[in-house]
Amino acid sequence: MTAPLPDTSVDTDPAQDAAVAAHVVTKAVEGRSLRQIAWTRLKRDKLALAGGAVVLFLVLVAIFAPWIVDLLGHPPDEYHEDQIDPLTSNPIGAWGGANSDFLFGVEPVNGRDVFSRIVYGARVSLLVGFAAAVVAVVIGTVLGLLAGFFGGWIDAFISRVMDMLLSFPQLLFIIALVSVLPNDMFGLTGTGVRILVLILVIGFFGWPYIGRIVRGQTLSLREREYVEAARSLGAGRGYVLFKELLPNLVAPITVYMTLMIPTNILTEAALSFLGVGVKPPTASWGQMLSSAIATFEFVPTYMIIPGLAIFITVMAFNLFGDGVRDALDPKGTR
């Protein structure tokens, strides 16, 4: 005869069980916003996060450039003839004269600190890249919205303007335009007016690209049900444009802006390399590359360091931009 099994049941409170079940169901059906979903996808992309970390680092370097130079370098326009060989006009020592006082060495002939000029050059490149992208996004978004929403002669006129600007050899036209613009604008002179001109010109020639994207998206979105519902409730054109359509265009605009910034940085570097960008003694990576042409056979580091700065910056923005695109539009194709 076997012994009876012990009773292992536990008395529970039915009300407590119901509360626990309701909590589990609530947690199970709890939704996430599009921002949370995009951030979750972005966190899985290690390359994009690495690119974003480098971008953040470069932005902090540009913001705190004076303090970084005071701590680790020398004033960017200060000459150090004692670091230059009087016979060859090249830096004394290997690697362009790099040592504990001059981390990246010095420039040939004049002996300016390369590290300080790289740090200050980040300010010019990032400022032009970001600001020109903002100008292009604002103009392109407004005109693209108008063209896609209203259609008709407005769409035809704006589209022809886009086609005309896209048909120009932009770099040559920018060189010609920058060369003839005045050196005194809006109370700015010297470096300030040069940077302003670069921002406006690069941004002006960049807006047709994002304008075409916004126009195409607007043509698709204006036929959606929620737009028709807003119209049926008496919503005006302004409400439909800026309350219904524009919020749904934030994702493609953000993606394209992150991919536009590195292009603007390369354009600024090219213009400075060709001598129509930022003028000396203001530091610019493209200008440093141009100056290194005469001495790169003897001091290759003077060309390698600004070249690496441009390469790392553009690569970081591209990796981060690709990650943002995949996070916001996972069904899109590369």
Protein backbone atom coordinates (compact mmCIF):
# COMPACT_ATOMS: atom_id res chain seq x y z
CA MET A 1 0.00 0.00 0.00
CA THR A 2 1.57 3.29 -1.11
CA ALA A 3 1.59 6.42 1.01
CA PRO A 4 -0.54 9.33 -0.26
CA LEU A 5 1.34 12.05 -2.13
CA PRO A 6 1.79 15.30 -0.22
CA ASP A 7 -0.40 18.21 -1.22
CA THR A 8 1.89 20.73 -2.98
CA SER A 9 -0.83 23.17 -3.98
CA VAL A 10 -0.50 26.70 -2.66
CA ASP A 11 -3.45 28.80 -1.78
CA THR A 12 -3.47 31.98 -3.81
CA ASP A 13 -5.55 35.07 -3.81
CA PRO A 14 -7.77 35.18 -6.95
CA ALA A 15 -7.67 39.00 -6.97
CA GLN A 16 -3.88 38.98 -6.88
CA ASP A 17 -3.75 36.43 -9.72
CA ALA A 18 -6.03 38.60 -11.82
CA ALA A 19 -3.87 41.66 -11.18
CA VAL A 20 -0.70 39.79 -12.16
CA ALA A 21 -2.36 38.45 -15.32
CA ALA A 22 -3.55 41.92 -16.27
CA HIS A 23 -0.06 43.32 -15.73
CA VAL A 24 1.48 40.61 -17.92
CA VAL A 25 -1.04 41.26 -20.67
CA THR A 26 -0.44 44.99 -20.44
CA LYS A 27 3.33 44.51 -20.72
CA ALA A 28 2.84 42.10 -23.61
CA VAL A 29 0.77 44.52 -25.68
CA GLU A 30 2.65 47.67 -24.69
CA GLY A 31 3.59 49.43 -27.92
CA ARG A 32 6.74 51.35 -28.85
CA SER A 33 7.04 54.60 -30.71
CA LEU A 34 8.79 54.81 -34.08
CA ARG A 35 11.66 56.62 -32.38
CA GLN A 36 12.13 53.76 -29.91
CA ILE A 37 12.00 51.18 -32.70
CA ALA A 38 14.57 53.11 -34.76
CA TRP A 39 16.87 53.50 -31.75
CA THR A 40 16.65 49.77 -31.06
CA ARG A 41 17.66 49.00 -34.64
CA LEU A 42 20.45 51.58 -34.57
CA LYS A 43 21.92 50.09 -31.37
CA ARG A 44 22.36 46.76 -33.16
CA ASP A 45 24.55 48.36 -35.84
CA LYS A 46 28.01 48.49 -34.24
CA LEU A 47 29.61 50.24 -37.22
CA ALA A 48 26.99 52.99 -37.12
CA LEU A 49 27.52 53.46 -33.38
CA ALA A 50 31.28 53.64 -33.90
CA GLY A 51 30.77 56.24 -36.62
CA GLY A 52 28.45 58.21 -34.37
CA ALA A 53 31.00 58.11 -31.55
CA VAL A 54 33.69 59.48 -33.87
CA VAL A 55 31.33 62.22 -35.08
CA LEU A 56 30.53 63.19 -31.50
CA PHE A 57 34.25 63.24 -30.67
CA LEU A 58 34.99 65.51 -33.65
CA VAL A 59 32.17 67.88 -32.68
CA LEU A 60 33.54 68.13 -29.14
CA VAL A 61 37.04 68.74 -30.51
CA ALA A 62 35.71 71.58 -32.68
CA ILE A 63 33.77 73.15 -29.82
CA PHE A 64 36.60 72.97 -27.29
CA ALA A 65 39.42 73.67 -29.76
CA PRO A 66 40.91 76.64 -27.82
CA TRP A 67 41.13 74.69 -24.58
CA ILE A 68 42.55 71.60 -26.30
CA VAL A 69 45.23 73.67 -28.01
CA ASP A 70 46.11 75.46 -24.76
CA LEU A 71 46.52 72.09 -23.08
CA LEU A 72 48.28 70.03 -25.77
CA GLY A 73 49.53 72.39 -28.45
CA HIS A 74 50.58 75.88 -29.45
CA PRO A 75 48.69 78.78 -31.08
CA PRO A 76 47.93 77.74 -34.69
CA ASP A 77 49.43 80.93 -36.20
CA GLU A 78 52.58 80.96 -34.07
CA TYR A 79 55.88 80.34 -35.86
CA HIS A 80 58.57 78.10 -34.36
CA GLU A 81 61.73 78.66 -36.40
CA ASP A 82 63.77 76.75 -33.81
CA GLN A 83 62.02 73.55 -34.99
CA ILE A 84 63.12 74.09 -38.62
CA ASP A 85 66.45 73.08 -40.14
CA PRO A 86 67.89 76.35 -41.60
CA LEU A 87 69.59 74.47 -44.44
CA THR A 88 66.62 72.46 -45.76
CA SER A 89 63.65 74.42 -44.29
CA ASN A 90 62.26 71.06 -43.16
CA PRO A 91 61.31 70.11 -39.59
CA ILE A 92 64.11 68.86 -37.39
CA GLY A 93 63.72 65.18 -36.53
CA ALA A 94 61.69 62.27 -37.87
CA TRP A 95 57.94 62.23 -38.59
CA GLY A 96 57.81 65.90 -39.41
CA GLY A 97 59.40 66.96 -36.14
CA ALA A 98 56.86 65.18 -33.93
CA ASN A 99 57.77 65.16 -30.24
CA SER A 100 56.18 65.67 -26.85
CA ASP A 101 55.69 69.41 -27.49
CA PHE A 102 54.48 69.05 -31.08
CA LEU A 103 52.34 65.92 -31.22
CA PHE A 104 51.91 65.93 -35.01
CA GLY A 105 55.11 67.80 -35.83
CA VAL A 106 55.42 71.23 -37.41
CA GLU A 107 54.90 72.70 -40.85
CA PRO A 108 57.93 73.03 -43.11
CA VAL A 109 59.45 76.51 -43.54
CA ASN A 110 57.43 78.33 -40.84
CA GLY A 111 57.21 75.75 -38.04
CA ARG A 112 53.54 76.14 -37.15
CA ASP A 113 52.05 73.41 -34.94
CA VAL A 114 50.29 70.84 -37.14
CA PHE A 115 48.24 69.47 -34.23
CA SER A 116 46.75 72.89 -33.45
CA ARG A 117 45.93 73.54 -37.09
CA ILE A 118 44.23 70.14 -37.41
CA VAL A 119 42.11 70.89 -34.34
CA TYR A 120 41.11 74.35 -35.59
CA GLY A 121 40.59 72.97 -39.11
CA ALA A 122 37.90 70.67 -37.68
CA ARG A 123 35.95 73.80 -36.74
CA VAL A 124 35.88 75.10 -40.30
CA SER A 125 35.06 71.74 -41.90
CA LEU A 126 32.27 70.81 -39.49
CA LEU A 127 30.78 74.31 -39.44
CA VAL A 128 30.60 74.49 -43.23
CA GLY A 129 29.39 70.88 -43.49
CA PHE A 130 26.58 71.24 -40.94
CA ALA A 131 25.47 74.76 -41.82
CA ALA A 132 25.44 74.16 -45.60
CA ALA A 133 23.39 70.99 -45.02
CA VAL A 134 20.87 72.98 -42.94
CA VAL A 135 20.56 75.60 -45.70
CA ALA A 136 20.03 72.90 -48.33
CA VAL A 137 17.50 71.03 -46.18
CA VAL A 138 15.44 74.14 -45.43
CA ILE A 139 15.27 75.29 -49.07
CA GLY A 140 14.83 71.78 -50.47
CA THR A 141 12.13 70.82 -47.97
CA VAL A 142 10.04 73.94 -48.50
CA LEU A 143 10.24 73.89 -52.31
CA GLY A 144 9.85 70.11 -52.51
CA LEU A 145 6.73 70.26 -50.35
CA LEU A 146 5.23 73.01 -52.49
CA ALA A 147 6.03 71.20 -55.74
CA GLY A 148 4.67 67.85 -54.60
CA PHE A 149 1.57 69.16 -52.87
CA PHE A 150 0.29 71.77 -55.32
CA GLY A 151 1.49 70.23 -58.59
CA GLY A 152 0.57 72.02 -61.80
CA TRP A 153 2.65 75.00 -62.90
CA ILE A 154 4.25 75.31 -59.45
CA ASP A 155 5.59 71.77 -59.69
CA ALA A 156 6.72 72.31 -63.28
CA PHE A 157 8.55 75.56 -62.44
CA ILE A 158 10.33 74.21 -59.34
CA SER A 159 11.24 70.96 -61.11
CA ARG A 160 12.80 72.87 -64.02
CA VAL A 161 14.82 74.98 -61.59
CA MET A 162 16.07 71.76 -59.95
CA ASP A 163 17.01 70.30 -63.32
CA MET A 164 18.85 73.49 -64.27
CA LEU A 165 20.89 73.57 -61.06
CA LEU A 166 21.67 69.85 -61.30
CA SER A 167 22.95 70.33 -64.85
CA PHE A 168 25.60 72.86 -63.80
CA PRO A 169 29.22 71.75 -63.26
CA GLN A 170 28.86 72.69 -59.62
CA LEU A 171 32.48 72.80 -58.51
CA LEU A 172 33.53 75.04 -61.38
CA PHE A 173 30.54 77.31 -60.88
CA ILE A 174 31.19 77.54 -57.13
CA ILE A 175 34.84 78.46 -57.79
CA ALA A 176 33.78 81.23 -60.17
CA LEU A 177 31.06 82.50 -57.84
CA VAL A 178 33.21 82.51 -54.70
CA SER A 179 35.98 84.32 -56.53
CA VAL A 180 33.80 87.30 -57.52
CA LEU A 181 31.79 87.73 -54.32
CA PRO A 182 32.73 90.74 -52.13
CA ASN A 183 34.99 90.45 -49.10
CA ASP A 184 32.58 92.38 -46.88
CA MET A 185 29.06 91.05 -46.31
CA PHE A 186 26.55 91.49 -43.49
CA GLY A 187 29.18 93.15 -41.32
CA LEU A 188 31.60 90.23 -41.69
CA THR A 189 35.10 90.49 -43.12
CA GLY A 190 38.00 88.18 -43.85
CA THR A 191 37.52 84.62 -42.66
CA GLY A 192 33.96 85.22 -41.47
CA VAL A 193 32.69 86.31 -44.86
CA ARG A 194 34.54 83.46 -46.59
CA ILE A 195 32.90 80.86 -44.35
CA LEU A 196 29.49 82.50 -44.84
CA VAL A 197 29.92 82.49 -48.61
CA LEU A 198 30.94 78.83 -48.60
CA ILE A 199 27.90 77.90 -46.50
CA LEU A 200 25.46 79.79 -48.70
CA VAL A 201 26.91 78.67 -52.03
CA ILE A 202 27.33 74.99 -51.10
CA GLY A 203 23.88 74.93 -49.49
CA PHE A 204 22.27 76.61 -52.51
CA PHE A 205 23.68 74.07 -54.95
CA GLY A 206 22.80 71.18 -52.62
CA TRP A 207 19.07 71.80 -52.15
CA PRO A 208 17.86 70.27 -55.48
CA TYR A 209 18.95 66.79 -54.33
CA ILE A 210 16.81 66.82 -51.19
CA GLY A 211 14.12 68.81 -53.00
CA ARG A 212 13.56 65.95 -55.45
CA ILE A 213 13.36 63.42 -52.60
CA VAL A 214 10.83 65.53 -50.66
CA ARG A 215 8.79 66.16 -53.82
CA GLY A 216 8.56 62.45 -54.59
CA GLN A 217 7.58 61.56 -51.03
CA THR A 218 4.99 64.36 -50.96
CA LEU A 219 3.38 63.12 -54.20
CA SER A 220 2.88 59.75 -52.51
CA LEU A 221 1.78 61.02 -49.09
CA ARG A 222 -0.77 63.57 -50.32
CA GLU A 223 -3.04 60.74 -51.50
CA ARG A 224 -3.03 58.91 -48.15
CA GLU A 225 -6.20 58.43 -46.12
CA TYR A 226 -5.18 60.62 -43.20
CA VAL A 227 -4.60 63.56 -45.55
CA GLU A 228 -8.03 63.08 -47.11
CA ALA A 229 -9.53 62.81 -43.63
CA ALA A 230 -7.90 66.10 -42.58
CA ARG A 231 -9.25 67.81 -45.70
CA SER A 232 -12.75 66.43 -45.12
CA LEU A 233 -12.69 67.91 -41.61
CA GLY A 234 -11.96 71.35 -43.04
CA ALA A 235 -8.17 71.52 -42.54
CA GLY A 236 -6.46 74.21 -44.59
CA ARG A 237 -3.48 73.78 -46.87
CA GLY A 238 -1.04 75.07 -44.27
CA TYR A 239 -2.27 72.56 -41.69
CA VAL A 240 -2.04 69.67 -44.14
CA LEU A 241 1.45 70.71 -45.26
CA PHE A 242 3.06 71.30 -41.88
CA LYS A 243 0.99 69.11 -39.56
CA GLU A 244 0.20 66.07 -41.70
CA LEU A 245 2.86 65.82 -44.42
CA LEU A 246 5.99 67.37 -42.89
CA PRO A 247 6.12 65.08 -39.78
CA ASN A 248 6.05 62.06 -42.10
CA LEU A 249 9.00 63.44 -44.06
CA VAL A 250 11.29 63.78 -41.05
CA ALA A 251 12.84 60.32 -41.53
CA PRO A 252 14.00 60.72 -45.17
CA ILE A 253 15.11 64.31 -44.50
CA THR A 254 17.18 63.20 -41.50
CA VAL A 255 18.76 60.36 -43.45
CA TYR A 256 19.68 62.52 -46.40
CA MET A 257 21.06 65.27 -44.16
CA THR A 258 23.45 62.87 -42.43
CA LEU A 259 24.70 61.74 -45.86
CA MET A 260 24.93 65.32 -47.18
CA ILE A 261 27.29 66.58 -44.45
CA PRO A 262 30.35 64.53 -45.54
CA THR A 263 29.80 65.65 -49.14
CA ASN A 264 29.84 69.27 -47.97
CA ILE A 265 33.02 68.66 -45.98
CA LEU A 266 34.71 67.26 -49.08
CA THR A 267 33.50 70.23 -51.14
CA GLU A 268 34.91 72.70 -48.61
CA ALA A 269 38.22 70.83 -48.54
CA ALA A 270 38.36 70.86 -52.36
CA LEU A 271 37.66 74.59 -52.54
CA SER A 272 40.29 75.35 -49.90
CA PHE A 273 42.72 73.06 -51.70
CA LEU A 274 42.16 75.03 -54.91
CA GLY A 275 42.67 78.35 -53.09
CA VAL A 276 39.12 79.72 -53.21
CA GLY A 277 38.02 78.55 -49.78
CA VAL A 278 39.20 79.73 -46.39
CA LYS A 279 42.24 81.98 -46.64
CA PRO A 280 45.41 81.79 -44.52
CA PRO A 281 46.21 82.10 -41.68
CA THR A 282 42.88 80.41 -40.82
CA ALA A 283 43.47 76.66 -40.63
CA SER A 284 41.68 74.36 -43.07
CA TRP A 285 42.37 70.71 -43.89
CA GLY A 286 42.11 71.31 -47.64
CA GLN A 287 44.44 74.29 -47.40
CA MET A 288 46.98 72.19 -45.48
CA LEU A 289 46.88 69.56 -48.23
CA SER A 290 47.51 72.25 -50.82
CA SER A 291 50.50 73.59 -48.88
CA ALA A 292 51.93 70.08 -48.51
CA ILE A 293 52.27 69.54 -52.26
CA ALA A 294 55.62 71.33 -52.39
CA THR A 295 57.17 69.37 -49.51
CA PHE A 296 55.44 65.97 -49.34
CA GLU A 297 58.49 64.22 -50.84
CA PHE A 298 60.57 65.33 -47.85
CA VAL A 299 57.88 65.62 -45.14
CA PRO A 300 55.10 63.14 -46.06
CA THR A 301 53.43 63.42 -42.65
CA TYR A 302 52.42 66.99 -43.44
CA MET A 303 50.15 65.63 -46.18
CA ILE A 304 49.18 62.35 -44.50
CA ILE A 305 47.79 63.90 -41.29
CA PRO A 306 45.21 66.30 -42.84
CA GLY A 307 44.38 63.62 -45.42
CA LEU A 308 43.63 61.15 -42.63
CA ALA A 309 41.56 63.79 -40.82
CA ILE A 310 39.35 64.24 -43.89
CA PHE A 311 39.14 60.47 -44.50
CA ILE A 312 38.18 59.62 -40.91
CA THR A 313 35.60 62.40 -40.72
CA VAL A 314 33.88 61.50 -43.99
CA MET A 315 33.98 57.78 -43.21
CA ALA A 316 32.45 58.32 -39.75
CA PHE A 317 29.60 60.41 -41.16
CA ASN A 318 28.93 57.86 -43.92
CA LEU A 319 28.84 54.93 -41.49
CA PHE A 320 26.55 56.81 -39.14
CA GLY A 321 24.34 57.96 -42.01
CA ASP A 322 24.00 54.41 -43.37
CA GLY A 323 23.03 53.20 -39.90
CA VAL A 324 20.42 55.92 -39.50
CA ARG A 325 18.98 55.06 -42.91
CA ASP A 326 18.71 51.37 -42.04
CA ALA A 327 17.14 52.19 -38.67
CA LEU A 328 14.52 54.54 -40.09
CA ASP A 329 13.81 52.58 -43.27
CA PRO A 330 14.60 48.88 -42.65
CA LYS A 331 12.74 47.79 -45.81
CA GLY A 332 14.77 50.10 -48.03
CA THR A 333 17.56 48.80 -50.20
CA ARG A 334 21.09 50.11 -50.32
